[in-house]
Every structure is written in structure tokens, then in C-alpha cells.
N, C-alpha and C. Protein backbone atom coordinates (compact mmCIF):
# COMPACT_ATOMS: atom_id res chain seq x y z
N MET A 1 14.88 55.35 -0.72
CA MET A 1 14.05 55.01 -1.83
C MET A 1 12.90 56.02 -1.88
N THR A 2 12.55 56.41 -3.08
CA THR A 2 11.46 57.37 -3.28
C THR A 2 10.19 56.60 -3.60
N HIS A 3 9.14 56.97 -2.87
CA HIS A 3 7.85 56.37 -3.16
C HIS A 3 6.99 57.38 -3.88
N SER A 4 6.22 56.88 -4.86
CA SER A 4 5.33 57.79 -5.61
C SER A 4 4.17 58.20 -4.70
N HIS A 5 3.60 59.31 -5.07
CA HIS A 5 2.45 59.84 -4.36
C HIS A 5 1.29 58.87 -4.55
N PRO A 6 0.57 58.50 -3.51
CA PRO A 6 -0.52 57.50 -3.65
C PRO A 6 -1.56 57.89 -4.72
N GLU A 7 -1.88 59.15 -4.83
CA GLU A 7 -2.90 59.55 -5.82
C GLU A 7 -2.32 59.46 -7.21
N ALA A 8 -1.03 59.76 -7.40
CA ALA A 8 -0.46 59.77 -8.71
C ALA A 8 -0.27 58.35 -9.25
N SER A 9 -0.07 57.39 -8.38
CA SER A 9 0.17 56.01 -8.85
C SER A 9 -1.04 55.38 -9.53
N ASP A 10 -2.25 55.86 -9.14
CA ASP A 10 -3.44 55.25 -9.74
C ASP A 10 -3.89 55.99 -11.01
N SER A 11 -3.31 57.16 -11.29
CA SER A 11 -3.74 57.93 -12.45
C SER A 11 -2.78 57.71 -13.62
N ASP A 12 -3.25 58.13 -14.77
CA ASP A 12 -2.40 58.09 -15.96
C ASP A 12 -1.60 59.37 -16.16
N GLU A 13 -1.77 60.33 -15.23
CA GLU A 13 -1.14 61.64 -15.38
C GLU A 13 0.38 61.52 -15.45
N PHE A 14 0.98 60.62 -14.69
CA PHE A 14 2.42 60.47 -14.68
C PHE A 14 2.87 59.08 -15.18
N LYS A 15 2.10 58.54 -16.12
CA LYS A 15 2.35 57.20 -16.63
C LYS A 15 3.81 57.08 -17.14
N GLY A 16 4.27 58.02 -17.91
CA GLY A 16 5.63 57.99 -18.46
C GLY A 16 6.66 58.07 -17.37
N PHE A 17 6.45 58.95 -16.39
CA PHE A 17 7.37 59.07 -15.26
C PHE A 17 7.46 57.78 -14.50
N ASN A 18 6.31 57.17 -14.20
CA ASN A 18 6.30 55.92 -13.47
C ASN A 18 7.02 54.81 -14.26
N GLU A 19 6.83 54.76 -15.54
CA GLU A 19 7.53 53.77 -16.37
C GLU A 19 9.02 54.04 -16.36
N ALA A 20 9.43 55.31 -16.47
CA ALA A 20 10.84 55.66 -16.44
C ALA A 20 11.48 55.29 -15.09
N GLN A 21 10.75 55.52 -14.06
CA GLN A 21 11.24 55.14 -12.71
C GLN A 21 11.45 53.62 -12.61
N ARG A 22 10.50 52.87 -13.10
CA ARG A 22 10.61 51.40 -13.11
C ARG A 22 11.81 50.93 -13.94
N LEU A 23 12.00 51.54 -15.11
CA LEU A 23 13.13 51.20 -15.98
C LEU A 23 14.44 51.47 -15.27
N MET A 24 14.52 52.59 -14.57
CA MET A 24 15.76 52.94 -13.87
C MET A 24 16.03 51.96 -12.71
N TRP A 25 14.99 51.64 -11.97
CA TRP A 25 15.18 50.66 -10.88
C TRP A 25 15.69 49.34 -11.41
N CYS A 26 15.14 48.86 -12.50
CA CYS A 26 15.54 47.60 -13.10
C CYS A 26 17.02 47.67 -13.58
N HIS A 27 17.35 48.80 -14.21
CA HIS A 27 18.75 48.96 -14.66
C HIS A 27 19.71 48.96 -13.46
N GLU A 28 19.35 49.68 -12.41
CA GLU A 28 20.19 49.74 -11.22
C GLU A 28 20.37 48.36 -10.62
N ALA A 29 19.34 47.56 -10.61
CA ALA A 29 19.45 46.20 -10.06
C ALA A 29 20.36 45.33 -10.89
N ARG A 30 20.24 45.42 -12.22
CA ARG A 30 21.14 44.66 -13.09
C ARG A 30 22.57 45.08 -12.91
N ALA A 31 22.81 46.40 -12.89
CA ALA A 31 24.17 46.91 -12.72
C ALA A 31 24.73 46.52 -11.35
N ARG A 32 23.91 46.56 -10.29
CA ARG A 32 24.40 46.18 -8.98
C ARG A 32 24.78 44.73 -8.94
N VAL A 33 23.97 43.81 -9.52
CA VAL A 33 24.31 42.40 -9.52
C VAL A 33 25.63 42.20 -10.26
N TYR A 34 25.80 42.84 -11.41
CA TYR A 34 27.03 42.69 -12.17
C TYR A 34 28.23 43.20 -11.36
N GLU A 35 28.10 44.39 -10.81
CA GLU A 35 29.22 44.97 -10.04
C GLU A 35 29.58 44.15 -8.84
N ARG A 36 28.59 43.67 -8.14
CA ARG A 36 28.86 42.84 -6.94
C ARG A 36 29.49 41.52 -7.30
N PHE A 37 29.06 40.90 -8.44
CA PHE A 37 29.68 39.64 -8.86
C PHE A 37 31.11 39.87 -9.33
N MET A 38 31.39 41.05 -9.84
CA MET A 38 32.78 41.36 -10.25
C MET A 38 33.72 41.39 -9.02
N GLN A 39 33.18 41.48 -7.82
CA GLN A 39 33.97 41.48 -6.61
C GLN A 39 34.31 40.04 -6.18
N THR A 40 33.74 39.07 -6.86
CA THR A 40 34.01 37.68 -6.56
C THR A 40 34.87 37.11 -7.72
N GLY A 41 35.31 35.90 -7.58
CA GLY A 41 36.06 35.25 -8.63
C GLY A 41 35.20 34.42 -9.56
N PHE A 42 33.89 34.45 -9.35
CA PHE A 42 32.99 33.55 -10.06
C PHE A 42 32.86 33.88 -11.56
N ILE A 43 32.87 35.15 -11.92
CA ILE A 43 32.69 35.50 -13.33
C ILE A 43 33.87 35.00 -14.17
N ASP A 44 35.07 35.08 -13.62
CA ASP A 44 36.27 34.65 -14.36
C ASP A 44 36.50 33.14 -14.32
N ASP A 45 35.80 32.41 -13.44
CA ASP A 45 35.98 31.00 -13.31
C ASP A 45 35.05 30.29 -14.29
N ALA A 46 35.62 29.74 -15.36
CA ALA A 46 34.79 29.09 -16.40
C ALA A 46 34.10 27.81 -15.87
N ASN A 47 34.53 27.28 -14.76
CA ASN A 47 33.93 26.11 -14.16
C ASN A 47 32.60 26.43 -13.47
N VAL A 48 32.35 27.70 -13.17
CA VAL A 48 31.14 28.12 -12.47
C VAL A 48 30.06 28.40 -13.51
N ALA A 49 28.95 27.66 -13.44
CA ALA A 49 27.83 27.84 -14.35
C ALA A 49 26.67 28.63 -13.70
N ALA A 50 26.53 28.50 -12.38
CA ALA A 50 25.43 29.16 -11.67
C ALA A 50 25.89 29.48 -10.27
N VAL A 51 25.23 30.51 -9.69
CA VAL A 51 25.50 30.86 -8.30
C VAL A 51 24.17 31.05 -7.58
N HIS A 52 24.02 30.36 -6.48
CA HIS A 52 22.85 30.51 -5.63
C HIS A 52 23.10 31.71 -4.70
N VAL A 53 22.17 32.67 -4.71
CA VAL A 53 22.30 33.87 -3.90
C VAL A 53 21.30 33.74 -2.73
N ASP A 54 21.83 33.53 -1.55
CA ASP A 54 21.00 33.48 -0.35
C ASP A 54 20.97 34.86 0.23
N ASN A 55 19.90 35.60 -0.11
CA ASN A 55 19.71 36.96 0.35
C ASN A 55 18.68 37.09 1.43
N THR A 56 18.28 35.93 2.03
CA THR A 56 17.21 35.96 3.01
C THR A 56 17.67 35.59 4.43
N SER A 57 18.79 34.88 4.55
CA SER A 57 19.20 34.42 5.89
C SER A 57 19.70 35.53 6.80
N ARG A 58 20.41 36.48 6.23
CA ARG A 58 20.98 37.57 7.04
C ARG A 58 20.75 38.89 6.30
N ALA A 59 20.49 39.91 7.02
CA ALA A 59 20.25 41.24 6.41
C ALA A 59 21.58 41.93 6.08
N ASP A 60 22.67 41.57 6.75
CA ASP A 60 23.90 42.24 6.59
C ASP A 60 24.88 41.59 5.59
N ARG A 61 24.46 40.48 5.01
CA ARG A 61 25.34 39.77 4.07
C ARG A 61 24.54 38.89 3.13
N VAL A 62 25.19 38.57 2.03
CA VAL A 62 24.60 37.66 1.03
C VAL A 62 25.56 36.48 0.90
N PHE A 63 25.03 35.29 1.01
CA PHE A 63 25.84 34.09 0.88
C PHE A 63 25.73 33.61 -0.56
N LEU A 64 26.87 33.37 -1.18
CA LEU A 64 26.91 32.90 -2.56
C LEU A 64 27.50 31.49 -2.62
N VAL A 65 26.83 30.62 -3.31
CA VAL A 65 27.34 29.25 -3.48
C VAL A 65 27.41 28.99 -5.00
N ALA A 66 28.60 28.65 -5.50
CA ALA A 66 28.80 28.44 -6.92
C ALA A 66 28.63 26.96 -7.28
N PHE A 67 28.07 26.73 -8.48
CA PHE A 67 27.83 25.35 -8.96
C PHE A 67 28.35 25.21 -10.37
N ASP A 68 28.80 24.00 -10.73
CA ASP A 68 29.21 23.73 -12.11
C ASP A 68 28.06 23.29 -12.95
N MET A 69 28.29 22.91 -14.18
CA MET A 69 27.23 22.55 -15.10
C MET A 69 26.46 21.28 -14.62
N ALA A 70 27.10 20.44 -13.86
CA ALA A 70 26.44 19.22 -13.34
C ALA A 70 25.66 19.51 -12.09
N GLY A 71 25.70 20.76 -11.60
CA GLY A 71 24.96 21.14 -10.41
C GLY A 71 25.68 20.84 -9.12
N GLN A 72 26.99 20.58 -9.18
CA GLN A 72 27.77 20.30 -7.99
C GLN A 72 28.47 21.56 -7.49
N GLN A 73 28.51 21.69 -6.20
CA GLN A 73 29.10 22.89 -5.56
C GLN A 73 30.58 22.95 -5.86
N VAL A 74 31.04 24.13 -6.29
CA VAL A 74 32.46 24.34 -6.58
C VAL A 74 33.06 25.53 -5.87
N GLY A 75 32.28 26.28 -5.13
CA GLY A 75 32.82 27.41 -4.40
C GLY A 75 31.80 28.14 -3.59
N VAL A 76 32.29 28.97 -2.67
CA VAL A 76 31.42 29.81 -1.86
C VAL A 76 32.07 31.17 -1.67
N ASP A 77 31.25 32.17 -1.39
CA ASP A 77 31.74 33.52 -1.11
C ASP A 77 30.64 34.23 -0.31
N THR A 78 31.06 35.29 0.34
CA THR A 78 30.09 36.11 1.11
C THR A 78 30.31 37.55 0.69
N LEU A 79 29.20 38.25 0.39
CA LEU A 79 29.25 39.66 0.09
C LEU A 79 28.53 40.38 1.21
N TYR A 80 29.16 41.37 1.79
CA TYR A 80 28.55 42.10 2.89
C TYR A 80 27.72 43.24 2.36
N THR A 81 26.56 43.47 2.93
CA THR A 81 25.63 44.53 2.53
C THR A 81 25.60 45.60 3.62
N ASP A 82 26.62 46.49 3.58
CA ASP A 82 26.69 47.56 4.55
C ASP A 82 25.70 48.68 4.26
N GLU A 83 25.27 48.76 3.04
CA GLU A 83 24.32 49.79 2.59
C GLU A 83 23.21 49.15 1.76
N PRO A 84 22.02 49.77 1.78
CA PRO A 84 20.91 49.21 0.95
C PRO A 84 21.26 49.10 -0.52
N SER A 85 22.15 49.92 -1.02
CA SER A 85 22.52 49.88 -2.43
C SER A 85 23.35 48.65 -2.82
N GLN A 86 23.70 47.82 -1.82
CA GLN A 86 24.49 46.64 -2.08
C GLN A 86 23.67 45.32 -2.07
N VAL A 87 22.38 45.41 -1.82
CA VAL A 87 21.52 44.26 -1.75
C VAL A 87 21.39 43.62 -3.14
N LEU A 88 21.37 42.31 -3.18
CA LEU A 88 21.25 41.57 -4.42
C LEU A 88 19.85 40.97 -4.56
N ASP A 89 18.89 41.81 -4.90
CA ASP A 89 17.53 41.35 -5.14
C ASP A 89 17.47 40.61 -6.46
N ILE A 90 16.39 39.88 -6.66
CA ILE A 90 16.21 39.10 -7.89
C ILE A 90 16.22 40.03 -9.09
N THR A 91 17.01 39.65 -10.07
CA THR A 91 17.08 40.32 -11.35
C THR A 91 16.63 39.33 -12.42
N PRO A 92 15.42 39.49 -12.94
CA PRO A 92 14.92 38.47 -13.89
C PRO A 92 15.85 38.17 -15.06
N GLU A 93 16.54 39.22 -15.56
CA GLU A 93 17.41 39.03 -16.72
C GLU A 93 18.55 38.05 -16.46
N PHE A 94 18.92 37.81 -15.19
CA PHE A 94 19.99 36.91 -14.81
C PHE A 94 19.50 35.65 -14.13
N ASP A 95 18.24 35.60 -13.77
CA ASP A 95 17.69 34.49 -12.97
C ASP A 95 17.56 33.23 -13.82
N HIS A 96 17.89 32.09 -13.23
CA HIS A 96 17.90 30.82 -13.97
C HIS A 96 16.52 30.46 -14.53
N ASP A 97 15.45 30.81 -13.82
CA ASP A 97 14.10 30.51 -14.32
C ASP A 97 13.79 31.29 -15.56
N TYR A 98 14.07 32.57 -15.57
CA TYR A 98 13.76 33.45 -16.70
C TYR A 98 14.64 33.22 -17.92
N THR A 99 15.89 32.75 -17.67
CA THR A 99 16.81 32.53 -18.78
C THR A 99 16.76 31.14 -19.31
N GLY A 100 15.95 30.29 -18.71
CA GLY A 100 15.76 28.94 -19.21
C GLY A 100 16.96 28.02 -18.95
N MET A 101 17.73 28.32 -17.91
CA MET A 101 18.91 27.48 -17.59
C MET A 101 18.50 26.07 -17.15
N ASP A 102 19.17 25.10 -17.68
CA ASP A 102 18.92 23.69 -17.32
C ASP A 102 19.53 23.42 -15.93
N VAL A 103 18.80 22.76 -15.07
CA VAL A 103 19.25 22.36 -13.76
C VAL A 103 19.14 20.85 -13.70
N VAL A 104 20.23 20.20 -13.34
CA VAL A 104 20.23 18.73 -13.25
C VAL A 104 19.37 18.32 -12.04
N PRO A 105 18.38 17.52 -12.29
CA PRO A 105 17.49 17.06 -11.16
C PRO A 105 18.30 16.37 -10.05
N ASP A 106 17.91 16.58 -8.84
CA ASP A 106 18.54 16.00 -7.64
C ASP A 106 20.02 16.34 -7.48
N SER A 107 20.49 17.37 -8.15
CA SER A 107 21.87 17.85 -7.95
C SER A 107 21.90 18.74 -6.73
N GLN A 108 23.11 19.12 -6.31
CA GLN A 108 23.22 20.05 -5.19
C GLN A 108 22.58 21.39 -5.54
N LEU A 109 22.67 21.81 -6.78
CA LEU A 109 22.02 23.07 -7.18
C LEU A 109 20.50 22.90 -7.11
N GLY A 110 20.01 21.79 -7.59
CA GLY A 110 18.56 21.51 -7.52
C GLY A 110 18.05 21.54 -6.07
N GLN A 111 18.84 21.01 -5.18
CA GLN A 111 18.47 21.02 -3.76
C GLN A 111 18.49 22.44 -3.20
N ALA A 112 19.48 23.23 -3.60
CA ALA A 112 19.53 24.63 -3.12
C ALA A 112 18.29 25.41 -3.66
N ILE A 113 17.92 25.16 -4.85
CA ILE A 113 16.74 25.86 -5.43
C ILE A 113 15.47 25.42 -4.67
N SER A 114 15.37 24.16 -4.31
CA SER A 114 14.17 23.68 -3.65
C SER A 114 13.98 24.26 -2.27
N ARG A 115 15.05 24.75 -1.63
CA ARG A 115 14.95 25.35 -0.29
C ARG A 115 14.27 26.71 -0.35
N GLU A 116 14.22 27.34 -1.52
CA GLU A 116 13.54 28.62 -1.75
C GLU A 116 14.02 29.72 -0.78
N ASN A 117 15.31 29.78 -0.58
CA ASN A 117 15.85 30.83 0.30
C ASN A 117 16.77 31.76 -0.46
N GLY A 118 16.40 32.08 -1.64
CA GLY A 118 17.22 32.97 -2.50
C GLY A 118 16.85 32.79 -3.95
N TRP A 119 17.81 33.07 -4.83
CA TRP A 119 17.65 32.90 -6.24
C TRP A 119 18.94 32.47 -6.87
N VAL A 120 18.87 32.03 -8.13
CA VAL A 120 20.05 31.48 -8.81
C VAL A 120 20.38 32.35 -10.03
N VAL A 121 21.65 32.75 -10.09
CA VAL A 121 22.14 33.55 -11.23
C VAL A 121 22.75 32.63 -12.26
N ASN A 122 22.29 32.78 -13.47
CA ASN A 122 22.84 32.05 -14.64
C ASN A 122 24.12 32.80 -15.02
N LEU A 123 25.28 32.24 -14.76
CA LEU A 123 26.54 32.94 -15.00
C LEU A 123 26.80 33.15 -16.52
N LYS A 124 26.28 32.27 -17.36
CA LYS A 124 26.47 32.51 -18.79
C LYS A 124 25.86 33.83 -19.23
N VAL A 125 24.66 34.10 -18.76
CA VAL A 125 23.99 35.34 -19.09
C VAL A 125 24.69 36.55 -18.43
N LEU A 126 25.09 36.40 -17.21
CA LEU A 126 25.81 37.47 -16.51
C LEU A 126 27.12 37.83 -17.19
N ARG A 127 27.82 36.82 -17.69
CA ARG A 127 29.09 37.03 -18.38
C ARG A 127 28.87 37.80 -19.69
N GLU A 128 27.73 37.58 -20.33
CA GLU A 128 27.44 38.25 -21.61
C GLU A 128 26.90 39.65 -21.43
N TYR A 129 26.57 40.04 -20.21
CA TYR A 129 26.00 41.37 -19.94
C TYR A 129 27.01 42.46 -20.22
N GLU A 130 26.58 43.48 -20.93
CA GLU A 130 27.41 44.63 -21.28
C GLU A 130 26.82 45.86 -20.59
N PRO A 131 27.42 46.30 -19.47
CA PRO A 131 26.90 47.46 -18.72
C PRO A 131 26.71 48.71 -19.57
N SER A 132 27.64 49.03 -20.44
CA SER A 132 27.50 50.26 -21.24
C SER A 132 26.36 50.17 -22.25
N VAL A 133 26.15 48.99 -22.83
CA VAL A 133 25.06 48.80 -23.78
C VAL A 133 23.72 48.91 -23.02
N ASP A 134 23.68 48.30 -21.84
CA ASP A 134 22.46 48.36 -21.03
C ASP A 134 22.16 49.80 -20.59
N ARG A 135 23.19 50.52 -20.23
CA ARG A 135 22.99 51.93 -19.81
C ARG A 135 22.41 52.76 -20.94
N ARG A 136 22.96 52.61 -22.16
CA ARG A 136 22.46 53.37 -23.29
C ARG A 136 21.01 53.01 -23.64
N ALA A 137 20.73 51.72 -23.62
CA ALA A 137 19.36 51.25 -23.91
C ALA A 137 18.38 51.78 -22.85
N THR A 138 18.83 51.78 -21.63
CA THR A 138 17.97 52.29 -20.53
C THR A 138 17.75 53.79 -20.67
N GLN A 139 18.79 54.53 -21.02
CA GLN A 139 18.64 55.98 -21.22
C GLN A 139 17.64 56.26 -22.31
N ARG A 140 17.72 55.54 -23.39
CA ARG A 140 16.76 55.70 -24.51
C ARG A 140 15.34 55.39 -24.07
N ALA A 141 15.18 54.27 -23.36
CA ALA A 141 13.85 53.87 -22.91
C ALA A 141 13.26 54.88 -21.92
N VAL A 142 14.11 55.43 -21.02
CA VAL A 142 13.68 56.41 -20.07
C VAL A 142 13.25 57.69 -20.79
N PHE A 143 14.03 58.11 -21.77
CA PHE A 143 13.67 59.28 -22.56
C PHE A 143 12.32 59.09 -23.26
N LEU A 144 12.13 57.93 -23.88
CA LEU A 144 10.87 57.68 -24.55
C LEU A 144 9.67 57.62 -23.61
N ALA A 145 9.91 57.14 -22.41
CA ALA A 145 8.85 57.12 -21.40
C ALA A 145 8.47 58.54 -20.99
N HIS A 146 9.49 59.38 -20.78
CA HIS A 146 9.21 60.77 -20.41
C HIS A 146 8.59 61.52 -21.62
N LEU A 147 8.98 61.19 -22.81
CA LEU A 147 8.45 61.82 -23.99
C LEU A 147 6.93 61.66 -24.07
N GLN A 148 6.46 60.53 -23.64
CA GLN A 148 5.03 60.26 -23.63
C GLN A 148 4.30 61.30 -22.77
N ASP A 149 4.80 61.60 -21.58
CA ASP A 149 4.22 62.61 -20.71
C ASP A 149 4.34 64.00 -21.29
N MET A 150 5.50 64.29 -21.92
CA MET A 150 5.73 65.64 -22.48
C MET A 150 4.79 65.88 -23.67
N MET A 151 4.57 64.85 -24.47
CA MET A 151 3.64 65.05 -25.60
C MET A 151 2.21 65.21 -25.11
N LYS A 152 1.86 64.46 -24.09
CA LYS A 152 0.49 64.55 -23.53
C LYS A 152 0.24 65.94 -22.96
N ASN A 153 1.25 66.56 -22.31
CA ASN A 153 1.11 67.86 -21.71
C ASN A 153 1.33 69.00 -22.70
N GLY A 154 1.69 68.67 -23.95
CA GLY A 154 1.91 69.71 -24.95
C GLY A 154 3.28 70.35 -24.88
N ASP A 155 4.20 69.80 -24.05
CA ASP A 155 5.54 70.32 -23.95
C ASP A 155 6.37 70.02 -25.20
N VAL A 156 6.00 68.96 -25.93
CA VAL A 156 6.68 68.55 -27.15
C VAL A 156 5.62 68.33 -28.22
N ARG A 157 5.86 68.91 -29.38
CA ARG A 157 4.91 68.71 -30.49
C ARG A 157 5.47 67.83 -31.59
N GLY A 158 6.75 67.75 -31.68
CA GLY A 158 7.39 66.95 -32.71
C GLY A 158 8.83 66.69 -32.34
N PHE A 159 9.44 65.71 -32.98
CA PHE A 159 10.82 65.39 -32.70
C PHE A 159 11.38 64.65 -33.88
N LEU A 160 12.71 64.51 -33.91
CA LEU A 160 13.38 63.80 -34.98
C LEU A 160 13.96 62.50 -34.45
N PHE A 161 13.84 61.43 -35.23
CA PHE A 161 14.53 60.21 -34.92
C PHE A 161 15.86 60.19 -35.64
N GLY A 162 16.81 59.58 -35.10
CA GLY A 162 18.13 59.50 -35.71
C GLY A 162 19.10 60.46 -35.06
N ARG A 163 20.27 60.55 -35.62
CA ARG A 163 21.32 61.37 -35.02
C ARG A 163 21.46 62.74 -35.69
N GLY A 164 20.65 62.98 -36.72
CA GLY A 164 20.72 64.27 -37.39
C GLY A 164 21.85 64.38 -38.38
N ASP A 165 22.53 63.28 -38.69
CA ASP A 165 23.66 63.30 -39.60
C ASP A 165 23.23 63.18 -41.05
N SER A 166 22.01 62.78 -41.30
CA SER A 166 21.56 62.61 -42.68
C SER A 166 20.21 63.26 -42.88
N ASP A 167 19.79 63.32 -44.13
CA ASP A 167 18.47 63.88 -44.45
C ASP A 167 17.35 62.83 -44.36
N ASP A 168 17.69 61.61 -43.91
CA ASP A 168 16.71 60.52 -43.89
C ASP A 168 16.00 60.43 -42.56
N THR A 169 16.15 61.37 -41.71
CA THR A 169 15.46 61.29 -40.39
C THR A 169 13.98 61.58 -40.54
N ASP A 170 13.17 60.94 -39.73
CA ASP A 170 11.75 61.08 -39.79
C ASP A 170 11.26 62.02 -38.69
N THR A 171 10.28 62.85 -38.97
CA THR A 171 9.71 63.72 -37.96
C THR A 171 8.41 63.09 -37.49
N ALA A 172 8.23 63.08 -36.19
CA ALA A 172 7.00 62.50 -35.64
C ALA A 172 6.07 63.59 -35.30
């Protein structure tokens, strides 16, 4: 992992770079969660509504417990984390709290959440995730973040929006 220079993190000199770095880390986390869940049978199992990710009990593995819509356990799996790039850290875009997923009170899922030893993936949202769309959106956002630094430094004075296929593009 690359850490920013302590002096640079407090200044606005590399604001665009820092934002681009944050955007890339978030994209990598989303892609990693999706790729790792593709190694399980949970995404294809329509009975699975949520998966509790216990990423705190062991450093070398992640315990997954699947739950149905009623919050009852319907399956388990273990993903091994042989490398740091395999860790399943919290990804807000898939987390049950951020996506507003309903949890049945006093269900097995509710009990797993109350133990606070991991996080819960909303499988409905994860199933709708499109890696290629996310990658393109992230590339655009990273470019725009870097553009802010380039304009500030005078490296860029103007640019065109659009694909250049028509005369309707705007110059900034």
C-alpha cells in the first residue's frame, strides 16, 4: 500500500491526486468484493438475500454466512486470504446499512449483525453491480480529479467534453 507524504496530505497542492487515489481504492474494494463473491455459490443462489462477512476472527480467512429474506441461515463458506489483495473490507455500496436493506428483528441475521464482528453484504445490490460500468465511471472520475491539479498547475488550459463526433461539444 502506498502512503501519501505527510506534508502533502495536509495541503491542497495534490488535492486532485488524493481524490483520484481515494476513488481508485474504493473501486478496487468494490471489484474485489464482487470477484471474491463470484468464487462462492451465493450470487447465483436466489434464496440468498444477504451474507455476513466475518473478517475479524482470523487474518488468513473470511467466514461467510448466507441468510434468506427472513434472516434465517441458508449456507456458509470460507474464503482464504493468502494475500492482502484478497481481504474483504467494508464496501459501503454493498453494505446493508448503506443500501437500506431490511433486516427482520430477532432473526439469525439480526443476531449476527448485533455481534459486530464483520459486515453484511446486500446480495440484491451485489447482483446488480456491473464491473465494466463501474470501471468506466471510475476512470472518468479519476481523470476529472487529475484534471483539477493539471488546470491549477497550468498544464491544461482547455478541453472538450464529448467524444468529438459532433460539432456540439463544449470547450471549457
